[in-house]
Every structure is written in structure tokens, then in C-alpha cells.
Amino acid sequence: MRKESKYKILLILPFLIGFVIISSLYYYYLEEILITFSVLTIEAVILAIITSIRIIIVIFCGSFLLKQWFNQDEFYLSDLPFLTGLFFLILIPAKFLDLLSAYIGNIVSPESLLFLLKIRFILAIINLMPMIYLSIGIVLFYFSLNEKYSSLMDKKKREKLQKYLIILISGVELIMIIILPTYSAIFNIVPFFVIPSLIVILWVFIFAYRNKKLTSINSFIVSIGFGLYLLTTIFRSLGQYVFDDAIHLILSEMFELITNIIIFIGLVNKPKIKSD
């Protein structure tokens, strides 16, 4: 089997499994969904429209980046188009779960809602893993420039440590989400995982911009996108205490949609090089 075909199967299979799981959840909660739609509000319609637009956009962004990856002469799992493509595509099942939780959250049992939220936040952690993996690689390279960490100059050692760190970080975060006992505990704890991760990712792209690394993308625009994504994540965490639930969700989705577009623009546009 060709390497390209093997990777395509490995990419498609998890998304097919995810589609089956999400479809099963929608079918299981069909009665509750129909009850919600019988008393549909204008806010619920707006939320559905914005989330649907976001799903379409992240499908396009992720597919475009993966197509770029497959068009390369050689492609590796550590390549930027692959990691950023996954970052977008993992949002697809997450957004379908967001819609489901938003529509049935008020009429299902607390246990059912907690179950859905745990799946959603597990996806949130997985969503950031490709970018964290990339960030770890660049951070380790940065340390390798210091004589104190000269052992990291060995690329194989860096890659090995990079894999160990991503397994450790993702393992700890996923276990914490699984064992958290309540809805409020998840909402209070998860931001302490996500926000530091986004800060590191933001620093990496700022570092890349200042040091002319990752020259195949516009690191400046990407860093703006992730900076706004960080602010949006903070808003999603704190805005629930300020705004009505429906307004909070609509604003969060709108802000995140804008940040996704900005990040994608930065990923597909090379910076202009000034000629002397």
C-alpha cells in the first residue's frame, strides 16, 4: 500500500468513527431535540446558522491544508500543513456536539449533560494537540540553541522528547477531564489546560515571526489569529457569568469563527519579502 493511501485511510477512519458516534448521540436524544425545535427561539436559529457556517469553513480550511500536505513530494506527520489541517478538522465533531449540548442542555438529566460535556472537552484537548506538538518542537529547538541544552541539537533526541511530552501532557489532561465529577468543575478546570496551551502556541508563532522561522506561512497573521483565539477562549469561560446563555454562545461562536478565518489566512499566505 502506498504511503499516501495509508495516511488517507488513517485520517478518514477516525472521522468516520466520530461521525457514527455523533450520529448515534443525535439519534439517542432525538426526542429531546424535537421538543427543543417545537419551541425554537430566534437565538437558537442564529446559533445554528453561525455554527453551521463555522463547520463548513473549518471543513474547507482543514481539507485545503491536508491537500497541500498530500501535494508535497515528501510528507511527514510533523509537517505544518498536516498538523494545522488536523487542528481545523477536529473542530467538526466538536461543533456538532456544541449544537447538541446547546439545544438539549436544559431538558436532559445533569448526568447526561455531564457525559456530553466530557466528550466535548476531550475533543477540545485533542483539537489543540497538533498545535501543541508543533509548539513543543519549536520550543525544544529554541532551547537547543543554548549551550546548556546542547544535547537537544540532536534532532532524533528532540523528536523523541517531543513525543514523550505530548503523550504526557495529553494523558494528564484527558485523565483529569474523565475524573472531574461535575459540570462546574469541568468549566472551572479546563481553562487552566487550554489557556496556557494557547499562550505557548501564541509565543511560538511570535517567535517564528521575529526569527524568520516557518517561512512557508505568515507567522505574524497566525499569531494575531491565535492571540484573538486566546481572548475568545477567555471570553467563553467568563462571558457565561455576564451574558444570557444564548447570547454568550452566539458571541463565542462568532468570535471563534473570525479567529479561525484569520489563522487560515496566515497559514496559506506567505509573508512578502522586501527586496533590497
Protein backbone atom coordinates (compact mmCIF):
# COMPACT_ATOMS: atom_id res chain seq x y z
CA MET A 1 0.00 0.00 0.00
CA ARG A 2 1.33 3.44 -0.94
CA LYS A 3 2.26 5.79 1.88
CA GLU A 4 -0.28 8.36 0.68
CA SER A 5 -3.13 5.81 0.62
CA LYS A 6 -2.18 4.55 4.07
CA TYR A 7 -2.27 8.06 5.55
CA LYS A 8 -5.61 8.81 3.89
CA ILE A 9 -7.15 5.69 5.43
CA LEU A 10 -5.68 6.57 8.84
CA LEU A 11 -7.18 10.06 8.55
CA ILE A 12 -10.61 9.05 7.26
CA LEU A 13 -11.18 6.16 9.69
CA PRO A 14 -11.23 8.21 12.95
CA PHE A 15 -13.57 10.76 11.38
CA LEU A 16 -15.92 8.01 10.20
CA ILE A 17 -15.96 6.55 13.70
CA GLY A 18 -16.57 10.02 15.12
CA PHE A 19 -19.41 10.59 12.65
CA VAL A 20 -21.06 7.34 13.72
CA ILE A 21 -20.74 8.25 17.41
CA ILE A 22 -22.11 11.79 16.91
CA SER A 23 -24.97 10.49 14.73
CA SER A 24 -25.79 7.91 17.42
CA LEU A 25 -25.95 10.65 20.06
CA TYR A 26 -28.27 12.74 17.90
CA TYR A 27 -30.49 9.70 17.34
CA TYR A 28 -30.46 8.82 21.06
CA TYR A 29 -31.53 12.36 22.00
CA LEU A 30 -33.90 12.79 19.05
CA GLU A 31 -36.96 13.19 21.27
CA GLU A 32 -35.30 15.96 23.27
CA ILE A 33 -34.15 17.65 20.06
CA LEU A 34 -37.69 17.62 18.66
CA ILE A 35 -39.01 19.11 21.90
CA THR A 36 -36.47 21.93 21.61
CA PHE A 37 -37.36 22.57 17.96
CA SER A 38 -41.05 22.81 18.85
CA VAL A 39 -40.30 25.94 20.88
CA LEU A 40 -37.43 27.26 18.78
CA THR A 41 -36.30 30.81 19.54
CA ILE A 42 -34.63 33.30 17.22
CA GLU A 43 -31.42 32.97 19.28
CA ALA A 44 -31.40 29.20 18.72
CA VAL A 45 -31.82 29.69 14.97
CA ILE A 46 -28.98 32.24 14.86
CA LEU A 47 -26.74 29.89 16.84
CA ALA A 48 -27.50 27.02 14.45
CA ILE A 49 -26.73 29.20 11.41
CA ILE A 50 -23.43 30.53 12.79
CA THR A 51 -22.30 27.08 13.95
CA SER A 52 -23.23 25.56 10.57
CA ILE A 53 -21.23 28.26 8.76
CA ARG A 54 -18.29 27.57 11.05
CA ILE A 55 -18.49 23.82 10.36
CA ILE A 56 -18.44 24.48 6.59
CA ILE A 57 -15.47 26.85 6.94
CA VAL A 58 -13.37 24.51 9.11
CA ILE A 59 -14.09 21.63 6.70
CA PHE A 60 -12.78 23.81 3.85
CA CYS A 61 -9.74 25.03 5.82
CA GLY A 62 -8.77 21.59 7.08
CA SER A 63 -9.28 19.90 3.71
CA PHE A 64 -7.30 22.62 1.92
CA LEU A 65 -4.34 22.25 4.28
CA LEU A 66 -4.35 18.45 4.07
CA LYS A 67 -4.49 18.70 0.28
CA GLN A 68 -1.40 20.92 0.47
CA TRP A 69 0.26 18.26 2.59
CA PHE A 70 -0.54 15.42 0.20
CA ASN A 71 0.72 17.51 -2.74
CA GLN A 72 4.20 17.66 -1.22
CA ASP A 73 6.92 15.45 -2.69
CA GLU A 74 7.55 14.05 0.79
CA PHE A 75 5.12 14.24 3.68
CA TYR A 76 5.62 13.59 7.37
CA LEU A 77 3.31 13.68 10.39
CA SER A 78 5.30 16.60 11.81
CA ASP A 79 4.67 18.79 8.73
CA LEU A 80 2.89 22.09 9.36
CA PRO A 81 0.05 21.58 6.81
CA PHE A 82 -0.80 18.21 8.38
CA LEU A 83 -0.85 19.49 11.97
CA THR A 84 -2.81 22.64 11.14
CA GLY A 85 -5.21 20.66 8.94
CA LEU A 86 -5.97 18.38 11.87
CA PHE A 87 -6.43 21.42 14.12
CA PHE A 88 -9.30 22.56 11.88
CA LEU A 89 -10.87 19.18 11.12
CA ILE A 90 -11.08 18.06 14.76
CA LEU A 91 -13.36 21.06 15.30
CA ILE A 92 -16.06 19.41 13.15
CA PRO A 93 -17.31 16.79 15.65
CA ALA A 94 -16.75 19.31 18.45
CA LYS A 95 -19.12 21.81 16.83
CA PHE A 96 -21.82 19.18 16.31
CA LEU A 97 -21.55 18.34 20.00
CA ASP A 98 -21.77 22.03 20.89
CA LEU A 99 -25.04 22.29 18.98
CA LEU A 100 -26.44 19.18 20.64
CA SER A 101 -25.49 20.37 24.13
CA ALA A 102 -26.90 23.85 23.50
CA TYR A 103 -30.27 22.52 22.33
CA ILE A 104 -30.89 19.77 24.88
CA GLY A 105 -28.88 21.03 27.85
CA ASN A 106 -31.95 22.36 29.67
CA ILE A 107 -34.11 19.24 29.28
CA VAL A 108 -31.76 16.29 29.84
CA SER A 109 -30.56 15.00 33.19
CA PRO A 110 -27.42 16.53 34.74
CA GLU A 111 -25.69 13.17 34.26
CA SER A 112 -26.43 13.17 30.52
CA LEU A 113 -25.24 16.75 30.14
CA LEU A 114 -22.05 15.95 32.07
CA PHE A 115 -21.41 12.99 29.76
CA LEU A 116 -21.79 15.19 26.65
CA LEU A 117 -19.59 17.90 28.13
CA LYS A 118 -16.83 15.43 28.94
CA ILE A 119 -16.82 14.22 25.33
CA ARG A 120 -16.80 17.84 24.13
CA PHE A 121 -13.88 18.88 26.32
CA ILE A 122 -11.94 15.75 25.44
CA LEU A 123 -12.29 16.90 21.83
CA ALA A 124 -11.17 20.40 22.88
CA ILE A 125 -7.96 18.93 24.29
CA ILE A 126 -7.42 16.71 21.23
CA ASN A 127 -8.09 19.73 18.99
CA LEU A 128 -5.09 21.59 20.44
CA MET A 129 -2.74 18.58 20.46
CA PRO A 130 -1.43 19.07 16.88
CA MET A 131 -0.55 22.70 17.60
CA ILE A 132 0.95 21.84 21.00
CA TYR A 133 3.05 19.14 19.32
CA LEU A 134 4.31 21.72 16.83
CA SER A 135 4.96 24.19 19.65
CA ILE A 136 6.93 21.67 21.70
CA GLY A 137 9.15 21.02 18.69
CA ILE A 138 9.92 24.72 18.23
CA VAL A 139 10.43 25.30 21.97
CA LEU A 140 12.90 22.39 22.11
CA PHE A 141 14.72 23.82 19.08
CA TYR A 142 14.87 27.19 20.87
CA PHE A 143 16.43 25.52 23.94
CA SER A 144 18.89 23.64 21.73
CA LEU A 145 20.46 26.98 20.78
CA ASN A 146 21.60 27.35 24.40
CA GLU A 147 24.88 25.58 25.23
CA LYS A 148 23.33 24.32 28.46
CA TYR A 149 20.92 22.19 26.40
CA SER A 150 23.33 21.30 23.60
CA SER A 151 22.19 17.66 23.74
CA LEU A 152 18.96 18.85 22.10
CA MET A 153 20.91 19.70 18.96
CA ASP A 154 20.44 16.05 18.07
CA LYS A 155 17.22 16.07 16.02
CA LYS A 156 16.35 12.48 16.93
CA LYS A 157 16.61 13.27 20.64
CA ARG A 158 14.41 16.34 20.20
CA GLU A 159 11.77 14.37 18.32
CA LYS A 160 11.81 11.60 20.93
CA LEU A 161 11.38 14.10 23.78
CA GLN A 162 8.70 15.89 21.75
CA LYS A 163 6.67 12.67 21.52
CA TYR A 164 7.10 11.88 25.23
CA LEU A 165 5.97 15.38 26.23
CA ILE A 166 2.86 15.38 24.03
CA ILE A 167 1.84 11.96 25.39
CA LEU A 168 2.39 13.16 28.97
CA ILE A 169 0.51 16.45 28.53
CA SER A 170 -2.44 14.97 26.67
CA GLY A 171 -2.60 11.97 29.04
CA VAL A 172 -2.76 14.12 32.18
CA GLU A 173 -5.35 16.49 30.71
CA LEU A 174 -7.60 13.72 29.38
CA ILE A 175 -7.49 11.80 32.68
CA MET A 176 -8.41 14.97 34.58
CA ILE A 177 -11.44 15.59 32.36
CA ILE A 178 -12.60 11.99 32.76
CA ILE A 179 -12.41 12.06 36.57
CA LEU A 180 -13.89 15.54 37.12
CA PRO A 181 -17.22 14.91 38.87
CA THR A 182 -19.38 17.91 37.98
CA TYR A 183 -20.34 20.33 35.21
CA SER A 184 -18.98 23.33 37.13
CA ALA A 185 -15.70 21.55 37.90
CA ILE A 186 -15.11 20.97 34.19
CA PHE A 187 -15.84 24.60 33.29
CA ASN A 188 -13.57 25.84 36.09
CA ILE A 189 -10.63 23.47 35.49
CA VAL A 190 -10.45 23.03 31.70
CA PRO A 191 -9.50 26.69 31.01
CA PHE A 192 -6.36 26.07 33.10
CA PHE A 193 -5.40 23.46 30.49
CA VAL A 194 -6.47 25.30 27.36
CA ILE A 195 -5.34 28.86 28.12
CA PRO A 196 -1.67 28.01 28.95
CA SER A 197 -1.56 25.84 25.81
CA LEU A 198 -2.80 28.74 23.70
CA ILE A 199 -0.26 31.08 25.31
CA VAL A 200 2.56 28.70 24.34
CA ILE A 201 1.18 28.35 20.79
CA LEU A 202 0.92 32.15 20.52
CA TRP A 203 4.51 32.57 21.76
CA VAL A 204 5.74 30.03 19.20
CA PHE A 205 4.27 31.92 16.25
CA ILE A 206 5.53 35.25 17.58
CA PHE A 207 8.98 33.64 17.98
CA ALA A 208 8.73 32.25 14.44
CA TYR A 209 7.82 35.70 13.09
CA ARG A 210 10.63 37.52 14.90
CA ASN A 211 13.26 34.92 13.98
CA LYS A 212 12.03 34.31 10.43
CA LYS A 213 11.12 30.68 11.10
CA LEU A 214 8.19 28.84 9.47
CA THR A 215 8.73 30.94 6.34
CA SER A 216 6.12 28.96 4.38
CA ILE A 217 3.38 30.79 6.31
CA ASN A 218 2.67 34.31 7.55
CA SER A 219 3.52 33.82 11.23
CA PHE A 220 2.50 37.39 12.04
CA ILE A 221 -1.09 36.87 10.88
CA VAL A 222 -1.25 33.43 12.51
CA SER A 223 -0.04 34.91 15.81
CA ILE A 224 -2.78 37.57 15.60
CA GLY A 225 -5.30 34.79 14.99
CA PHE A 226 -4.15 32.74 17.98
CA GLY A 227 -3.97 35.87 20.13
CA LEU A 228 -7.62 36.54 19.35
CA TYR A 229 -8.39 32.85 19.85
CA LEU A 230 -6.86 33.13 23.33
CA LEU A 231 -9.04 36.16 24.12
CA THR A 232 -12.10 34.35 22.75
CA THR A 233 -11.37 31.34 24.96
CA ILE A 234 -11.17 33.62 28.00
CA PHE A 235 -14.44 35.24 26.92
CA ARG A 236 -16.07 31.81 26.53
CA SER A 237 -15.02 30.98 30.10
CA LEU A 238 -16.02 34.28 31.74
CA GLY A 239 -18.80 35.51 29.44
CA GLN A 240 -21.23 32.94 30.82
CA TYR A 241 -21.32 34.97 34.05
CA VAL A 242 -22.13 38.21 32.22
CA PHE A 243 -24.42 37.35 29.30
CA ASP A 244 -27.52 35.29 28.82
CA ASP A 245 -26.62 31.71 27.77
CA ALA A 246 -27.88 32.11 24.19
CA ILE A 247 -26.14 35.46 23.64
CA HIS A 248 -22.94 34.11 25.20
CA LEU A 249 -22.90 31.10 22.85
CA ILE A 250 -23.69 33.21 19.76
CA LEU A 251 -20.93 35.73 20.53
CA SER A 252 -18.43 32.95 21.31
CA GLU A 253 -19.14 31.20 18.01
CA MET A 254 -18.90 34.47 16.05
CA PHE A 255 -15.57 35.40 17.65
CA GLU A 256 -14.12 31.92 17.12
CA LEU A 257 -15.30 31.89 13.51
CA ILE A 258 -13.39 35.13 12.89
CA THR A 259 -10.24 33.77 14.57
CA ASN A 260 -10.40 30.56 12.52
CA ILE A 261 -10.52 32.60 9.30
CA ILE A 262 -7.59 34.80 10.38
CA ILE A 263 -5.47 31.77 11.33
CA PHE A 264 -6.24 30.11 7.99
CA ILE A 265 -5.35 33.27 6.04
CA GLY A 266 -1.99 33.35 7.83
CA LEU A 267 -1.36 29.67 7.10
CA VAL A 268 -1.91 29.94 3.34
CA ASN A 269 -0.27 33.32 2.71
CA LYS A 270 3.49 33.60 2.62
CA PRO A 271 4.89 36.88 4.01
CA LYS A 272 6.08 39.40 1.46
CA ILE A 273 9.86 39.59 1.37
CA LYS A 274 11.20 43.10 0.93
CA SER A 275 13.73 43.38 -1.87
CA ASP A 276 16.84 45.47 -1.32
